[in-house]
């Protein structure tokens, strides 16, 4: 959104929250991304979960990465399977890549969003 590009994070967040109140699933995911970028991972994860619960499969995909990076392998895999059940099979492949990279000693690559 243009408010983000202009650097008005507070204005952008307020508008996203208004859109969420109006039922926008996209706004939930966008606000989650903003909160994650600002370092509020717990809040971002809760928002991604809210978006996923409302049918945003991309949010579910991003949750997989957050859970894997947090060391919750079982949670990440369960979410990846859920994403695959909704047609996003690439999430399972990305999870496999993260785990393969972690096993090489180079550590996992950042989760692609």
Protein backbone atom coordinates (compact mmCIF):
# COMPACT_ATOMS: atom_id res chain seq x y z
CA UNK A 1 0.00 0.00 0.00
CA UNK A 2 1.16 3.53 -0.62
CA UNK A 3 1.19 4.40 3.10
CA UNK A 4 3.81 1.75 3.70
CA UNK A 5 5.93 3.05 0.83
CA UNK A 6 5.69 6.61 2.17
CA UNK A 7 6.87 5.43 5.58
CA UNK A 8 3.58 5.98 7.42
CA UNK A 9 3.53 2.64 9.21
CA UNK A 10 1.05 3.80 11.84
CA UNK A 11 -1.33 5.06 9.17
CA UNK A 12 -0.97 1.84 7.20
CA UNK A 13 -1.59 -0.29 10.28
CA UNK A 14 -4.69 1.74 11.17
CA UNK A 15 -6.07 1.27 7.67
CA UNK A 16 -5.28 -2.45 7.69
CA UNK A 17 -7.11 -2.76 11.01
CA UNK A 18 -10.12 -0.93 9.54
CA UNK A 19 -10.08 -3.29 6.57
CA UNK A 20 -9.86 -6.26 8.96
CA UNK A 21 -12.88 -4.95 10.84
CA UNK A 22 -14.68 -4.89 7.48
CA UNK A 23 -13.77 -8.56 6.89
CA UNK A 24 -10.67 -8.34 4.67
CA UNK A 25 -8.60 -11.53 4.81
CA UNK A 26 -5.86 -9.90 2.72
CA UNK A 27 -5.49 -7.10 5.26
CA UNK A 28 -4.90 -9.61 8.06
CA UNK A 29 -2.00 -11.13 6.13
CA UNK A 30 -0.60 -7.72 5.22
CA UNK A 31 -0.74 -6.51 8.82
CA UNK A 32 0.91 -9.75 9.95
CA UNK A 33 3.76 -9.14 7.51
CA UNK A 34 4.20 -5.58 8.80
CA UNK A 35 4.24 -6.73 12.42
CA UNK A 36 6.77 -9.47 11.61
CA UNK A 37 9.03 -6.98 9.82
CA UNK A 38 8.80 -4.69 12.86
CA UNK A 39 10.02 -7.55 15.08
CA UNK A 40 6.71 -8.49 16.70
CA UNK A 41 6.85 -12.19 15.81
CA UNK A 42 4.28 -13.37 18.36
CA UNK A 43 1.73 -10.83 17.17
CA UNK A 44 2.56 -11.61 13.55
CA UNK A 45 2.10 -15.32 14.14
CA UNK A 46 -1.29 -14.73 15.77
CA UNK A 47 -2.35 -12.61 12.80
CA UNK A 48 -1.08 -15.19 10.29
CA UNK A 49 -3.10 -17.82 12.17
CA UNK A 50 -6.16 -15.60 12.00
CA UNK A 51 -5.66 -15.14 8.26
CA UNK A 52 -5.11 -18.88 7.77
CA UNK A 53 -8.26 -19.65 9.74
CA UNK A 54 -10.11 -17.33 7.35
CA UNK A 55 -8.81 -19.21 4.32
CA UNK A 56 -5.59 -17.36 3.44
CA UNK A 57 -3.35 -20.22 2.29
CA UNK A 58 -0.34 -17.91 1.85
CA UNK A 59 -0.57 -17.07 5.56
CA UNK A 60 -0.56 -20.79 6.32
CA UNK A 61 2.56 -21.14 4.17
CA UNK A 62 4.28 -18.35 6.11
CA UNK A 63 3.28 -19.92 9.43
CA UNK A 64 5.12 -23.09 8.42
CA UNK A 65 8.32 -21.10 8.10
CA UNK A 66 7.81 -19.35 11.42
CA UNK A 67 7.18 -22.62 13.24
CA UNK A 68 10.16 -24.33 11.60
CA UNK A 69 12.46 -21.40 12.44
CA UNK A 70 11.19 -21.53 16.03
CA UNK A 71 12.18 -25.21 16.24
CA UNK A 72 8.61 -26.53 16.23
CA UNK A 73 9.18 -29.21 13.59
CA UNK A 74 5.96 -31.11 14.32
CA UNK A 75 3.88 -27.94 14.20
CA UNK A 76 5.54 -26.84 10.98
CA UNK A 77 4.93 -30.20 9.35
CA UNK A 78 1.27 -30.28 10.43
CA UNK A 79 0.76 -26.81 8.96
CA UNK A 80 2.59 -27.77 5.76
CA UNK A 81 0.32 -30.77 5.35
CA UNK A 82 -2.69 -28.53 5.93
CA UNK A 83 -1.42 -26.14 3.23
CA UNK A 84 -0.91 -29.11 0.89
CA UNK A 85 -4.46 -30.30 1.59
CA UNK A 86 -5.60 -26.87 0.37
CA UNK A 87 -3.56 -27.13 -2.83
CA UNK A 88 -0.29 -25.50 -1.77
CA UNK A 89 1.92 -28.60 -2.13
CA UNK A 90 4.99 -26.42 -2.64
CA UNK A 91 4.96 -25.75 1.10
CA UNK A 92 5.96 -29.37 1.77
CA UNK A 93 8.81 -29.04 -0.73
CA UNK A 94 10.08 -25.84 0.88
CA UNK A 95 9.93 -27.44 4.30
CA UNK A 96 11.99 -30.35 2.95
CA UNK A 97 14.57 -27.91 1.56
CA UNK A 98 14.82 -26.09 4.90
CA UNK A 99 15.40 -29.35 6.70
CA UNK A 100 17.93 -30.57 4.13
CA UNK A 101 19.86 -27.30 4.40
CA UNK A 102 19.77 -27.47 8.20
CA UNK A 103 21.35 -30.94 8.00
CA UNK A 104 24.31 -29.69 5.96
CA UNK A 105 25.68 -27.54 8.75
CA UNK A 106 25.03 -24.42 6.70
CA UNK A 107 21.76 -23.85 8.53
CA UNK A 108 18.38 -23.30 6.98
CA UNK A 109 17.88 -20.62 4.39
CA UNK A 110 15.33 -17.94 5.25
CA UNK A 111 11.75 -18.99 4.57
CA UNK A 112 10.55 -17.56 1.27
CA UNK A 113 7.42 -15.50 1.75
